Each structure stands twice: as structure tokens, then as C-alpha cells.
Amino acid sequence: MDVPAYFRESDFPAQSPVLADLDSPELDESGRGALLCRTCGQPVTRIRDRISVGGKHVHALFNPAGILFEVGCFAVAPGCRFEGEFTHDFSWFAGYAWRYAMCRRCAVHLGWEYRGAGDGFTGLIMAFLRESGS
């Protein structure tokens, strides 16, 4: 499936399939719950690793070029490799520097790793992930 590299607000469905039933306790216990790279199927993170940053798990964010991203925040993303030097330039999250998060298997850009004073998280582009079993 080809996924566009950038999005407009109208491109997002009313409910992202990856975000459906996020609070359902059956997801992790049933063996589902892994989020995979949509391009190659590499396990990237788990639904239970989602976190809230700035009061929300998912953020709709525009980059300086006006491209909209739906970014989910996760405590860990072991299926990513991280590239580049950390920078505070154009950071969406105050107090955090970022660098690129790439799929460990196919190297597609999946999001960004964020580091702040004493903590960090990974912001993943939700449209580039799919739930295991879907």
C-alpha cells in the first residue's frame, strides 16, 4: 500500500484504524497490540507503550513547510533506529530536542525521537503504522 509522504487535514479519517479501541484491555492480552511499520511489517512499538505528552497521546502537528502529521507519543519504540544530531530547531514539544526515527528494517521515516531534561519519548507518524493482525 502506498502511503503519501505528507497529509492535509482532510486526508485523515474520523477515527484512525490504529487508534481504534486504544483503551481496550484485550489488546495486549490477546496477542494483538503491536504496532508495525506499514511498509515492511517490522514490529515498531506496542499500544501499551503509548504515553501522554502535553496532555494528549496523539497530536496533529504542522511542520514548517505546512505539512500536517498525526503523531502518537510512545515511551519506547525498539523497532526504530535513530539518526542525526538532536536539535531544538522547530521542535513541536517545548523543552525537547529531536532527531529522526527510522524503521530498523526498511529505513522508512516513521517519526522522531525526543529528548528533554531527564526524559524522552518517540513521536511516531500514525499513518505509517498498522496494528498487528490487521
N, C-alpha and C. Protein backbone atom coordinates (compact mmCIF):
# COMPACT_ATOMS: atom_id res chain seq x y z
N MET A 1 0.85 -1.18 0.00
CA MET A 1 0.00 0.00 0.00
C MET A 1 0.89 1.24 0.00
N ASP A 2 0.64 2.13 -0.91
CA ASP A 2 1.39 3.38 -0.95
C ASP A 2 0.77 4.36 0.05
N VAL A 3 1.61 4.94 0.88
CA VAL A 3 1.17 5.93 1.86
C VAL A 3 1.78 7.26 1.45
N PRO A 4 0.96 8.31 1.33
CA PRO A 4 1.52 9.61 0.94
C PRO A 4 2.52 10.09 1.98
N ALA A 5 3.53 10.82 1.54
CA ALA A 5 4.58 11.29 2.43
C ALA A 5 4.12 12.48 3.27
N TYR A 6 3.05 13.11 2.90
CA TYR A 6 2.54 14.23 3.68
C TYR A 6 1.02 14.25 3.58
N PHE A 7 0.39 15.00 4.46
CA PHE A 7 -1.05 14.95 4.59
C PHE A 7 -1.65 16.33 4.73
N ARG A 8 -2.90 16.43 4.35
CA ARG A 8 -3.72 17.59 4.65
C ARG A 8 -4.73 17.12 5.69
N GLU A 9 -5.31 18.05 6.43
CA GLU A 9 -6.26 17.67 7.48
C GLU A 9 -7.38 16.80 6.92
N SER A 10 -7.81 17.06 5.70
CA SER A 10 -8.90 16.30 5.10
C SER A 10 -8.49 14.86 4.75
N ASP A 11 -7.19 14.55 4.78
CA ASP A 11 -6.73 13.20 4.47
C ASP A 11 -6.96 12.22 5.62
N PHE A 12 -7.20 12.72 6.84
CA PHE A 12 -7.32 11.84 7.99
C PHE A 12 -8.75 11.35 8.13
N PRO A 13 -8.92 10.03 8.39
CA PRO A 13 -10.26 9.54 8.66
C PRO A 13 -10.73 10.06 10.02
N ALA A 14 -12.04 9.99 10.24
CA ALA A 14 -12.58 10.46 11.51
C ALA A 14 -11.99 9.68 12.68
N GLN A 15 -11.72 8.40 12.50
CA GLN A 15 -11.10 7.58 13.55
C GLN A 15 -10.02 6.75 12.87
N SER A 16 -8.77 6.98 13.22
CA SER A 16 -7.67 6.22 12.65
C SER A 16 -7.80 4.76 13.04
N PRO A 17 -7.63 3.80 12.10
CA PRO A 17 -7.74 2.39 12.46
C PRO A 17 -6.71 1.99 13.52
N VAL A 18 -5.56 2.61 13.54
CA VAL A 18 -4.55 2.28 14.54
C VAL A 18 -4.99 2.74 15.92
N LEU A 19 -5.83 3.77 15.98
CA LEU A 19 -6.24 4.32 17.27
C LEU A 19 -7.54 3.69 17.79
N ALA A 20 -8.20 2.86 17.01
CA ALA A 20 -9.45 2.26 17.44
C ALA A 20 -9.21 1.37 18.65
N ASP A 21 -10.09 1.44 19.62
CA ASP A 21 -10.04 0.61 20.82
C ASP A 21 -8.74 0.72 21.60
N LEU A 22 -8.12 1.90 21.63
CA LEU A 22 -6.86 2.05 22.35
C LEU A 22 -6.97 1.73 23.82
N ASP A 23 -8.12 1.94 24.42
CA ASP A 23 -8.27 1.68 25.84
C ASP A 23 -8.81 0.29 26.14
N SER A 24 -8.93 -0.55 25.14
CA SER A 24 -9.43 -1.90 25.36
C SER A 24 -8.35 -2.77 25.99
N PRO A 25 -8.61 -3.35 27.18
CA PRO A 25 -7.60 -4.16 27.85
C PRO A 25 -7.28 -5.44 27.10
N GLU A 26 -8.14 -5.87 26.19
CA GLU A 26 -7.90 -7.11 25.45
C GLU A 26 -6.74 -7.00 24.45
N LEU A 27 -6.36 -5.79 24.09
CA LEU A 27 -5.36 -5.64 23.04
C LEU A 27 -4.05 -6.33 23.39
N ASP A 28 -3.50 -6.09 24.56
CA ASP A 28 -2.22 -6.69 24.91
C ASP A 28 -2.37 -8.15 25.31
N GLU A 29 -3.48 -8.51 25.96
CA GLU A 29 -3.66 -9.87 26.43
C GLU A 29 -4.01 -10.82 25.29
N SER A 30 -4.54 -10.33 24.20
CA SER A 30 -4.96 -11.19 23.10
C SER A 30 -3.83 -11.52 22.13
N GLY A 31 -2.68 -10.90 22.32
CA GLY A 31 -1.58 -11.12 21.38
C GLY A 31 -1.53 -10.05 20.31
N ARG A 32 -2.61 -9.26 20.20
CA ARG A 32 -2.55 -8.11 19.31
C ARG A 32 -1.84 -7.02 20.07
N GLY A 33 -1.87 -5.85 19.61
CA GLY A 33 -1.32 -4.73 20.36
C GLY A 33 0.03 -4.26 19.91
N ALA A 34 0.69 -4.99 19.02
CA ALA A 34 1.94 -4.49 18.45
C ALA A 34 1.59 -3.55 17.30
N LEU A 35 2.36 -2.48 17.18
CA LEU A 35 2.22 -1.60 16.03
C LEU A 35 3.41 -1.87 15.11
N LEU A 36 3.09 -2.09 13.85
CA LEU A 36 4.07 -2.49 12.85
C LEU A 36 4.30 -1.39 11.83
N CYS A 37 5.48 -1.37 11.24
CA CYS A 37 5.75 -0.50 10.10
C CYS A 37 4.80 -0.90 8.98
N ARG A 38 4.05 0.07 8.46
CA ARG A 38 3.10 -0.22 7.39
C ARG A 38 3.82 -0.65 6.11
N THR A 39 5.07 -0.23 5.92
CA THR A 39 5.80 -0.56 4.70
C THR A 39 6.30 -2.00 4.70
N CYS A 40 6.94 -2.44 5.81
CA CYS A 40 7.60 -3.75 5.79
C CYS A 40 7.11 -4.73 6.84
N GLY A 41 6.29 -4.32 7.79
CA GLY A 41 5.78 -5.21 8.81
C GLY A 41 6.66 -5.37 10.04
N GLN A 42 7.76 -4.63 10.12
CA GLN A 42 8.64 -4.68 11.29
C GLN A 42 7.88 -4.23 12.54
N PRO A 43 7.92 -5.01 13.65
CA PRO A 43 7.34 -4.50 14.89
C PRO A 43 8.08 -3.24 15.33
N VAL A 44 7.35 -2.18 15.64
CA VAL A 44 7.94 -0.89 15.98
C VAL A 44 7.76 -0.58 17.47
N THR A 45 6.55 -0.73 17.98
CA THR A 45 6.24 -0.44 19.38
C THR A 45 4.99 -1.21 19.75
N ARG A 46 4.50 -1.03 20.96
CA ARG A 46 3.27 -1.68 21.42
C ARG A 46 2.27 -0.60 21.82
N ILE A 47 1.01 -0.91 21.65
CA ILE A 47 -0.04 0.03 22.03
C ILE A 47 0.08 0.36 23.51
N ARG A 48 0.45 -0.60 24.34
CA ARG A 48 0.55 -0.33 25.78
C ARG A 48 1.69 0.62 26.12
N ASP A 49 2.58 0.91 25.17
CA ASP A 49 3.68 1.86 25.39
C ASP A 49 3.30 3.29 25.05
N ARG A 50 2.05 3.53 24.70
CA ARG A 50 1.62 4.90 24.39
C ARG A 50 1.65 5.72 25.67
N ILE A 51 1.97 6.99 25.52
CA ILE A 51 2.02 7.91 26.66
C ILE A 51 1.35 9.21 26.28
N SER A 52 1.09 10.01 27.27
CA SER A 52 0.54 11.34 27.07
C SER A 52 1.67 12.36 27.22
N VAL A 53 1.78 13.25 26.25
CA VAL A 53 2.73 14.36 26.30
C VAL A 53 1.92 15.63 26.07
N GLY A 54 2.07 16.60 26.94
CA GLY A 54 1.27 17.82 26.82
C GLY A 54 -0.22 17.55 26.93
N GLY A 55 -0.59 16.51 27.68
CA GLY A 55 -1.99 16.21 27.91
C GLY A 55 -2.67 15.33 26.88
N LYS A 56 -1.93 14.88 25.84
CA LYS A 56 -2.55 14.05 24.79
C LYS A 56 -1.57 12.98 24.33
N HIS A 57 -2.11 11.87 23.85
CA HIS A 57 -1.30 10.84 23.21
C HIS A 57 -1.04 11.20 21.74
N VAL A 58 -2.08 11.62 21.04
CA VAL A 58 -1.95 11.93 19.60
C VAL A 58 -2.05 13.43 19.40
N HIS A 59 -1.16 13.95 18.57
CA HIS A 59 -1.10 15.37 18.26
C HIS A 59 -1.18 15.56 16.75
N ALA A 60 -1.95 16.53 16.30
CA ALA A 60 -1.97 16.94 14.89
C ALA A 60 -1.03 18.14 14.79
N LEU A 61 0.07 17.99 14.03
CA LEU A 61 1.15 18.98 14.03
C LEU A 61 1.56 19.34 12.61
N PHE A 62 1.79 20.62 12.38
CA PHE A 62 2.28 21.09 11.09
C PHE A 62 3.78 21.33 11.18
N ASN A 63 4.52 20.89 10.16
CA ASN A 63 5.95 21.23 10.11
C ASN A 63 6.09 22.60 9.45
N PRO A 64 7.32 23.15 9.39
CA PRO A 64 7.50 24.50 8.81
C PRO A 64 7.04 24.62 7.36
N ALA A 65 6.98 23.50 6.64
CA ALA A 65 6.53 23.53 5.25
C ALA A 65 5.01 23.45 5.14
N GLY A 66 4.31 23.38 6.27
CA GLY A 66 2.86 23.32 6.26
C GLY A 66 2.29 21.93 6.12
N ILE A 67 3.12 20.91 6.24
CA ILE A 67 2.67 19.52 6.12
C ILE A 67 2.16 19.06 7.49
N LEU A 68 0.96 18.47 7.50
CA LEU A 68 0.32 18.02 8.72
C LEU A 68 0.69 16.57 9.00
N PHE A 69 1.06 16.29 10.25
CA PHE A 69 1.36 14.94 10.70
C PHE A 69 0.49 14.63 11.90
N GLU A 70 -0.05 13.41 11.97
CA GLU A 70 -0.73 12.90 13.14
C GLU A 70 0.31 12.06 13.88
N VAL A 71 0.78 12.56 15.02
CA VAL A 71 1.90 11.95 15.74
C VAL A 71 1.41 11.38 17.06
N GLY A 72 1.68 10.08 17.28
CA GLY A 72 1.39 9.43 18.55
C GLY A 72 2.66 9.34 19.38
N CYS A 73 2.53 9.54 20.69
CA CYS A 73 3.69 9.54 21.59
C CYS A 73 3.81 8.18 22.28
N PHE A 74 5.02 7.63 22.27
CA PHE A 74 5.29 6.32 22.84
C PHE A 74 6.53 6.37 23.72
N ALA A 75 6.48 5.65 24.84
CA ALA A 75 7.62 5.62 25.77
C ALA A 75 8.84 4.98 25.12
N VAL A 76 8.63 3.94 24.33
CA VAL A 76 9.73 3.25 23.65
C VAL A 76 9.28 2.84 22.26
N ALA A 77 10.24 2.70 21.36
CA ALA A 77 9.99 2.21 20.00
C ALA A 77 11.20 1.39 19.57
N PRO A 78 11.33 0.16 20.10
CA PRO A 78 12.52 -0.64 19.81
C PRO A 78 12.67 -1.04 18.35
N GLY A 79 11.60 -0.90 17.55
CA GLY A 79 11.70 -1.22 16.13
C GLY A 79 12.25 -0.07 15.30
N CYS A 80 12.64 1.01 15.96
CA CYS A 80 13.22 2.17 15.26
C CYS A 80 14.72 2.22 15.48
N ARG A 81 15.39 2.82 14.52
CA ARG A 81 16.75 3.28 14.74
C ARG A 81 16.69 4.80 14.61
N PHE A 82 17.60 5.47 15.30
CA PHE A 82 17.53 6.92 15.38
C PHE A 82 18.74 7.52 14.69
N GLU A 83 18.50 8.56 13.90
CA GLU A 83 19.55 9.14 13.07
C GLU A 83 19.62 10.65 13.26
N GLY A 84 20.84 11.17 13.12
CA GLY A 84 21.06 12.60 13.15
C GLY A 84 21.38 13.09 14.54
N GLU A 85 21.80 14.35 14.59
CA GLU A 85 22.09 15.01 15.86
C GLU A 85 20.80 15.59 16.41
N PHE A 86 20.66 15.60 17.71
CA PHE A 86 19.49 16.24 18.33
C PHE A 86 19.53 17.73 18.06
N THR A 87 18.35 18.30 17.78
CA THR A 87 18.22 19.73 17.57
C THR A 87 16.95 20.24 18.23
N HIS A 88 16.97 21.48 18.66
CA HIS A 88 15.78 22.13 19.20
C HIS A 88 15.05 22.91 18.11
N ASP A 89 15.63 23.00 16.90
CA ASP A 89 15.02 23.75 15.81
C ASP A 89 13.65 23.18 15.46
N PHE A 90 12.64 24.03 15.44
CA PHE A 90 11.28 23.67 15.04
C PHE A 90 10.70 22.51 15.84
N SER A 91 11.11 22.34 17.09
CA SER A 91 10.57 21.25 17.91
C SER A 91 9.10 21.51 18.20
N TRP A 92 8.28 20.48 18.06
CA TRP A 92 6.85 20.59 18.36
C TRP A 92 6.59 20.54 19.86
N PHE A 93 7.57 20.08 20.63
CA PHE A 93 7.38 19.90 22.05
C PHE A 93 8.39 20.75 22.80
N ALA A 94 7.91 21.79 23.49
CA ALA A 94 8.78 22.74 24.20
C ALA A 94 9.68 22.00 25.19
N GLY A 95 10.97 22.34 25.16
CA GLY A 95 11.93 21.74 26.07
C GLY A 95 12.52 20.43 25.57
N TYR A 96 12.10 19.96 24.39
CA TYR A 96 12.60 18.71 23.83
C TYR A 96 13.35 18.97 22.53
N ALA A 97 14.49 18.30 22.40
CA ALA A 97 15.22 18.27 21.13
C ALA A 97 14.79 17.00 20.40
N TRP A 98 14.95 16.97 19.08
CA TRP A 98 14.51 15.82 18.30
C TRP A 98 15.59 15.38 17.31
N ARG A 99 15.44 14.13 16.87
CA ARG A 99 16.17 13.58 15.74
C ARG A 99 15.26 12.55 15.09
N TYR A 100 15.63 12.07 13.91
CA TYR A 100 14.76 11.20 13.12
C TYR A 100 14.66 9.79 13.68
N ALA A 101 13.45 9.20 13.58
CA ALA A 101 13.20 7.80 13.90
C ALA A 101 12.89 7.08 12.60
N MET A 102 13.69 6.07 12.29
CA MET A 102 13.55 5.32 11.05
C MET A 102 13.22 3.86 11.38
N CYS A 103 12.52 3.18 10.48
CA CYS A 103 12.27 1.76 10.67
C CYS A 103 13.60 1.01 10.68
N ARG A 104 13.79 0.17 11.67
CA ARG A 104 15.02 -0.59 11.81
C ARG A 104 15.24 -1.54 10.62
N ARG A 105 14.15 -2.02 9.99
CA ARG A 105 14.27 -2.97 8.89
C ARG A 105 14.37 -2.29 7.52
N CYS A 106 13.41 -1.41 7.18
CA CYS A 106 13.36 -0.87 5.82
C CYS A 106 13.82 0.58 5.70
N ALA A 107 14.12 1.22 6.82
CA ALA A 107 14.66 2.58 6.88
C ALA A 107 13.67 3.67 6.49
N VAL A 108 12.38 3.38 6.39
CA VAL A 108 11.40 4.43 6.11
C VAL A 108 11.31 5.34 7.34
N HIS A 109 11.10 6.62 7.09
CA HIS A 109 10.95 7.60 8.18
C HIS A 109 9.62 7.35 8.89
N LEU A 110 9.68 7.03 10.20
CA LEU A 110 8.48 6.75 10.98
C LEU A 110 8.12 7.86 11.96
N GLY A 111 9.07 8.77 12.25
CA GLY A 111 8.78 9.82 13.21
C GLY A 111 10.05 10.44 13.75
N TRP A 112 10.02 10.75 15.07
CA TRP A 112 11.12 11.48 15.70
C TRP A 112 11.34 10.97 17.11
N GLU A 113 12.58 10.95 17.54
CA GLU A 113 12.91 10.69 18.94
C GLU A 113 13.08 12.04 19.61
N TYR A 114 12.48 12.19 20.79
CA TYR A 114 12.56 13.45 21.54
C TYR A 114 13.29 13.22 22.85
N ARG A 115 14.17 14.16 23.20
CA ARG A 115 14.88 14.13 24.48
C ARG A 115 14.74 15.46 25.17
N GLY A 116 14.36 15.40 26.44
CA GLY A 116 14.27 16.59 27.27
C GLY A 116 15.21 16.45 28.44
N ALA A 117 15.08 17.33 29.40
CA ALA A 117 15.91 17.27 30.60
C ALA A 117 15.44 16.11 31.46
N GLY A 118 16.08 14.98 31.33
CA GLY A 118 15.76 13.83 32.17
C GLY A 118 14.75 12.85 31.62
N ASP A 119 14.12 13.13 30.49
CA ASP A 119 13.20 12.15 29.93
C ASP A 119 13.18 12.24 28.42
N GLY A 120 12.43 11.34 27.81
CA GLY A 120 12.32 11.32 26.36
C GLY A 120 11.17 10.43 25.94
N PHE A 121 10.88 10.46 24.66
CA PHE A 121 9.82 9.63 24.08
C PHE A 121 10.03 9.59 22.57
N THR A 122 9.25 8.75 21.91
CA THR A 122 9.28 8.68 20.46
C THR A 122 7.92 9.13 19.93
N GLY A 123 7.92 10.07 19.00
CA GLY A 123 6.71 10.52 18.32
C GLY A 123 6.64 9.83 16.97
N LEU A 124 5.64 8.99 16.78
CA LEU A 124 5.51 8.20 15.55
C LEU A 124 4.35 8.69 14.69
N ILE A 125 4.56 8.71 13.39
CA ILE A 125 3.54 9.11 12.43
C ILE A 125 2.54 7.97 12.32
N MET A 126 1.33 8.20 12.84
CA MET A 126 0.36 7.12 12.97
C MET A 126 -0.03 6.50 11.63
N ALA A 127 -0.06 7.27 10.56
CA ALA A 127 -0.43 6.73 9.25
C ALA A 127 0.61 5.76 8.71
N PHE A 128 1.81 5.77 9.27
CA PHE A 128 2.87 4.88 8.80
C PHE A 128 2.95 3.59 9.60
N LEU A 129 1.97 3.41 10.53
CA LEU A 129 1.92 2.21 11.36
C LEU A 129 0.62 1.46 11.09
N ARG A 130 0.63 0.17 11.41
CA ARG A 130 -0.59 -0.62 11.40
C ARG A 130 -0.55 -1.56 12.59
N GLU A 131 -1.72 -1.91 13.07
CA GLU A 131 -1.81 -2.81 14.21
C GLU A 131 -1.56 -4.24 13.75
N SER A 132 -0.87 -5.03 14.56
CA SER A 132 -0.65 -6.43 14.23
C SER A 132 -2.01 -7.13 14.10
N GLY A 133 -2.09 -8.02 13.16
CA GLY A 133 -3.34 -8.73 12.93
C GLY A 133 -4.32 -7.99 12.05
N SER A 134 -3.94 -6.79 11.56
CA SER A 134 -4.87 -6.04 10.69
C SER A 134 -4.33 -5.96 9.29
